[in-house]
Amino acid sequence: MSAVPIYETFHTWQGEGVHTGRASFFIRTFGCPVQCPWCDSAGTWHPDWIPATVDRPSIDHLVRLALRSRAEFVVITGGEPTIHDLRPLTSALHQASLPVHLETAGAFPLRGDFAWVTLSPKWAKLPLVENLERADELKLIVENATSITRWWDKIGSNVRARHVWLHPEWSQRENPAVLRSISDWIKTHAGPFRAGYQLHRLYNVDSLDPRARPSIPLGGNPALGY
């Protein structure tokens, strides 16, 4: 059995960032101490949404599933995957010639061998400086018109990534002030900044794999726990 609890696995394509549109196999781990009020994977931690049972499949089983999908790479995400020791899993995936991409808030040490690191910082638990410097791309979640300025003032001096994506928080994706703040920032600062979006949601591609659990976007809604 794997020491890592797994919330779900599914075959899809990457919907965000530099690798958007590429076939990928997602492994979503269970558990998250960060617990954002707008989390779109609340089933990994929220007491109202966690499943009755959580599997701990063997590493060999996970590798076989990934190979069977014929995806270009594997994405390990969460929850927050770095609360787990991912070294045995990433080692086995690399031995199978499967590149491993990590999606993390960056608040915990990275344990594993990753071909690509996407870091999306969260205010509830700020990222470690070494992880900011290691990240290949950064994804800032824009919750309101001041989010980008606040984030860049806090962490900008430690960012080395060539790509910094500005994503409207999903429940704010039609908020003119949020969208305007992204557009204005990019036109003013240029450089590594890019407008981001969760393209996979428009296609609803994740749900095409029956193994994927339904998305649970909290959206900061008090009725869902906040």
Protein backbone atom coordinates (compact mmCIF):
# COMPACT_ATOMS: atom_id res chain seq x y z
CA MET A 1 0.00 0.00 0.00
CA SER A 2 1.10 3.56 -0.67
CA ALA A 3 1.73 5.78 2.34
CA VAL A 4 -0.01 8.58 0.42
CA PRO A 5 -3.81 8.90 0.70
CA ILE A 6 -5.31 9.54 -2.73
CA TYR A 7 -8.54 11.47 -3.21
CA GLU A 8 -8.86 10.79 -6.95
CA THR A 9 -7.04 10.01 -10.18
CA PHE A 10 -8.17 10.89 -13.70
CA HIS A 11 -7.01 11.36 -17.28
CA THR A 12 -7.53 14.86 -18.67
CA TRP A 13 -5.53 17.68 -20.17
CA GLN A 14 -3.83 20.43 -18.24
CA GLY A 15 -6.16 23.40 -18.04
CA GLU A 16 -3.80 26.03 -16.62
CA GLY A 17 -0.36 27.51 -17.10
CA VAL A 18 2.46 26.88 -19.55
CA HIS A 19 1.37 23.30 -20.26
CA THR A 20 -2.27 24.12 -21.02
CA GLY A 21 -3.87 21.71 -23.48
CA ARG A 22 -1.39 18.85 -22.99
CA ALA A 23 -2.66 15.38 -22.10
CA SER A 24 -2.02 14.68 -18.44
CA PHE A 25 -2.81 12.16 -15.74
CA PHE A 26 -3.80 13.75 -12.43
CA ILE A 27 -3.12 12.25 -9.02
CA ARG A 28 -4.90 14.29 -6.34
CA THR A 29 -3.76 13.62 -2.80
CA PHE A 30 -6.00 13.85 0.25
CA GLY A 31 -5.50 16.37 3.05
CA CYS A 32 -4.81 20.09 3.22
CA PRO A 33 -3.95 22.28 6.22
CA VAL A 34 -4.21 25.50 4.16
CA GLN A 35 -7.98 25.29 3.57
CA CYS A 36 -8.83 28.26 1.34
CA PRO A 37 -12.38 29.64 1.56
CA TRP A 38 -12.72 29.42 -2.23
CA CYS A 39 -11.15 25.96 -2.59
CA ASP A 40 -12.33 24.00 -5.64
CA SER A 41 -11.25 20.65 -4.16
CA ALA A 42 -12.93 20.84 -0.78
CA GLY A 43 -13.46 17.08 -0.75
CA THR A 44 -9.77 16.74 0.09
CA TRP A 45 -10.21 18.38 3.51
CA HIS A 46 -13.56 20.03 4.31
CA PRO A 47 -15.53 18.03 6.92
CA ASP A 48 -18.79 18.55 5.02
CA TRP A 49 -17.36 17.12 1.81
CA ILE A 50 -14.68 14.54 2.57
CA PRO A 51 -15.54 11.02 1.34
CA ALA A 52 -16.43 8.20 3.71
CA THR A 53 -13.29 6.32 2.72
CA VAL A 54 -9.98 7.40 1.25
CA ASP A 55 -7.87 4.92 -0.71
CA ARG A 56 -4.15 4.36 -0.29
CA PRO A 57 -3.37 2.58 -3.57
CA SER A 58 0.01 1.04 -4.15
CA ILE A 59 2.61 3.02 -6.04
CA ASP A 60 2.73 0.28 -8.67
CA HIS A 61 -1.02 0.67 -9.20
CA LEU A 62 -0.73 4.44 -9.65
CA VAL A 63 2.11 4.00 -12.13
CA ARG A 64 0.10 1.45 -14.12
CA LEU A 65 -2.88 3.81 -14.30
CA ALA A 66 -0.69 6.65 -15.50
CA LEU A 67 1.01 4.49 -18.14
CA ARG A 68 -2.32 3.14 -19.36
CA SER A 69 -3.58 6.68 -19.94
CA ARG A 70 -0.70 7.45 -22.34
CA ALA A 71 -0.63 10.98 -20.97
CA GLU A 72 2.40 13.16 -21.63
CA PHE A 73 3.07 13.72 -17.93
CA VAL A 74 1.65 13.18 -14.45
CA VAL A 75 0.39 16.03 -12.28
CA ILE A 76 0.47 15.55 -8.52
CA THR A 77 -1.87 18.01 -6.87
CA GLY A 78 -4.23 18.22 -3.90
CA GLY A 79 -5.33 19.23 -1.39
CA GLU A 80 -1.76 20.06 -0.56
CA PRO A 81 0.45 17.25 -1.88
CA THR A 82 3.65 18.35 -0.16
CA ILE A 83 2.39 17.41 3.29
CA HIS A 84 3.22 13.88 2.10
CA ASP A 85 6.60 12.37 1.28
CA LEU A 86 6.32 12.04 -2.49
CA ARG A 87 9.81 10.67 -3.11
CA PRO A 88 8.84 6.99 -3.56
CA LEU A 89 5.98 7.89 -5.92
CA THR A 90 7.97 10.33 -8.04
CA SER A 91 10.89 7.93 -8.23
CA ALA A 92 8.64 5.15 -9.54
CA LEU A 93 7.01 7.47 -12.08
CA HIS A 94 10.39 8.63 -13.37
CA GLN A 95 11.55 5.04 -13.69
CA ALA A 96 8.53 4.54 -15.93
CA SER A 97 9.66 7.54 -18.03
CA LEU A 98 6.75 9.67 -16.85
CA PRO A 99 7.64 13.33 -16.12
CA VAL A 100 6.09 14.57 -12.87
CA HIS A 101 4.59 18.03 -12.45
CA LEU A 102 3.74 19.36 -9.00
CA GLU A 103 1.01 21.84 -8.05
CA THR A 104 1.51 23.28 -4.56
CA ALA A 105 0.95 26.29 -2.34
CA GLY A 106 4.66 26.09 -1.54
CA ALA A 107 4.26 26.29 2.23
CA PHE A 108 6.00 22.97 2.97
CA PRO A 109 9.32 21.42 1.86
CA LEU A 110 9.22 19.71 -1.54
CA ARG A 111 10.04 16.02 -1.16
CA GLY A 112 10.30 14.38 -4.55
CA ASP A 113 11.84 14.71 -8.01
CA PHE A 114 9.76 17.09 -10.13
CA ALA A 115 10.19 18.06 -13.77
CA TRP A 116 7.95 21.12 -13.28
CA VAL A 117 6.71 23.02 -10.23
CA THR A 118 3.65 25.26 -10.28
CA LEU A 119 3.37 27.31 -7.12
CA SER A 120 0.13 29.04 -6.16
CA PRO A 121 0.66 30.91 -2.87
CA LYS A 122 -2.05 31.19 -0.26
CA TRP A 123 -2.43 33.80 2.49
CA ALA A 124 -3.43 31.20 5.08
CA LYS A 125 0.10 29.73 4.97
CA LEU A 126 2.70 31.66 3.02
CA PRO A 127 5.20 29.89 0.75
CA LEU A 128 8.76 29.11 1.76
CA VAL A 129 11.36 31.33 0.10
CA GLU A 130 13.23 28.33 -1.31
CA ASN A 131 10.04 27.13 -2.99
CA LEU A 132 9.37 30.54 -4.53
CA GLU A 133 12.89 30.46 -5.95
CA ARG A 134 12.45 26.88 -7.20
CA ALA A 135 9.07 27.33 -8.93
CA ASP A 136 8.96 27.10 -12.72
CA GLU A 137 5.73 29.08 -12.83
CA LEU A 138 3.67 31.04 -10.34
CA LYS A 139 -0.12 31.22 -10.23
CA LEU A 140 -1.59 34.13 -8.29
CA ILE A 141 -5.27 33.87 -7.42
CA VAL A 142 -6.90 37.28 -7.86
CA GLU A 143 -9.74 37.55 -5.35
CA ASN A 144 -10.28 41.30 -5.60
CA ALA A 145 -8.90 44.41 -7.28
CA THR A 146 -5.98 44.72 -4.82
CA SER A 147 -4.85 41.08 -4.78
CA ILE A 148 -2.01 41.39 -7.31
CA THR A 149 -0.42 44.39 -5.60
CA ARG A 150 -0.63 42.72 -2.20
CA TRP A 151 0.95 39.52 -3.46
CA TRP A 152 3.74 41.20 -5.37
CA ASP A 153 4.62 43.43 -2.44
CA LYS A 154 4.81 40.33 -0.23
CA ILE A 155 6.66 37.80 -2.39
CA GLY A 156 7.77 39.49 -5.60
CA SER A 157 11.41 39.93 -4.57
CA ASN A 158 11.81 36.15 -4.18
CA VAL A 159 10.13 35.04 -7.41
CA ARG A 160 12.45 33.64 -10.09
CA ALA A 161 9.81 32.08 -12.35
CA ARG A 162 9.67 33.16 -15.98
CA HIS A 163 5.89 32.85 -15.99
CA VAL A 164 3.55 34.49 -13.47
CA TRP A 165 -0.11 33.76 -14.15
CA LEU A 166 -2.88 36.00 -12.86
CA HIS A 167 -6.02 33.91 -12.37
CA PRO A 168 -9.39 35.33 -11.38
CA GLU A 169 -10.73 33.36 -8.43
CA TRP A 170 -13.45 31.26 -10.04
CA SER A 171 -16.39 32.86 -8.24
CA GLN A 172 -15.02 36.27 -9.34
CA ARG A 173 -14.40 35.37 -12.98
CA GLU A 174 -17.08 37.80 -14.19
CA ASN A 175 -16.24 40.57 -11.72
CA PRO A 176 -15.23 43.60 -13.85
CA ALA A 177 -12.96 45.00 -11.14
CA VAL A 178 -11.02 41.74 -10.86
CA LEU A 179 -10.67 41.32 -14.62
CA ARG A 180 -9.68 44.97 -15.06
CA SER A 181 -7.01 44.65 -12.36
CA ILE A 182 -5.44 41.74 -14.24
CA SER A 183 -5.52 43.52 -17.58
CA ASP A 184 -4.14 46.77 -16.18
CA TRP A 185 -1.34 45.00 -14.31
CA ILE A 186 -0.19 43.11 -17.39
CA LYS A 187 -0.27 46.18 -19.62
CA THR A 188 1.64 48.19 -17.00
CA HIS A 189 4.22 45.61 -15.90
CA ALA A 190 4.56 43.13 -18.81
CA GLY A 191 7.60 40.93 -18.08
CA PRO A 192 6.61 37.54 -16.68
CA PHE A 193 2.94 38.38 -16.13
CA ARG A 194 0.22 36.61 -18.10
CA ALA A 195 -3.55 36.48 -17.88
CA GLY A 196 -4.66 33.06 -16.68
CA TYR A 197 -7.87 31.07 -16.67
CA GLN A 198 -9.11 27.61 -15.75
CA LEU A 199 -9.70 26.49 -19.31
CA HIS A 200 -10.53 22.91 -18.33
CA ARG A 201 -13.69 24.21 -16.67
CA LEU A 202 -15.01 25.60 -19.94
CA TYR A 203 -14.56 22.19 -21.58
CA ASN A 204 -15.63 20.29 -18.45
CA VAL A 205 -12.90 17.88 -19.49
CA ASP A 206 -12.04 16.41 -16.07
CA SER A 207 -15.51 14.94 -15.66
CA LEU A 208 -15.11 12.93 -18.88
CA ASP A 209 -13.11 10.43 -16.85
CA PRO A 210 -15.57 8.56 -14.59
CA ARG A 211 -12.89 8.22 -11.91
CA ALA A 212 -12.91 11.99 -11.32
CA ARG A 213 -14.95 13.17 -8.36
CA PRO A 214 -17.34 16.11 -8.83
CA SER A 215 -15.77 19.51 -8.37
CA ILE A 216 -16.70 21.21 -5.08
CA PRO A 217 -15.97 24.94 -5.42
CA LEU A 218 -16.65 26.64 -2.12
CA GLY A 219 -16.36 30.13 -3.56
CA GLY A 220 -16.29 31.67 -0.09
CA ASN A 221 -19.93 30.75 0.39
CA PRO A 222 -20.92 30.65 4.09
CA ALA A 223 -23.58 28.03 3.27
CA LEU A 224 -20.73 25.69 2.32
CA GLY A 225 -18.81 26.15 5.53
CA TYR A 226 -17.64 29.76 5.64
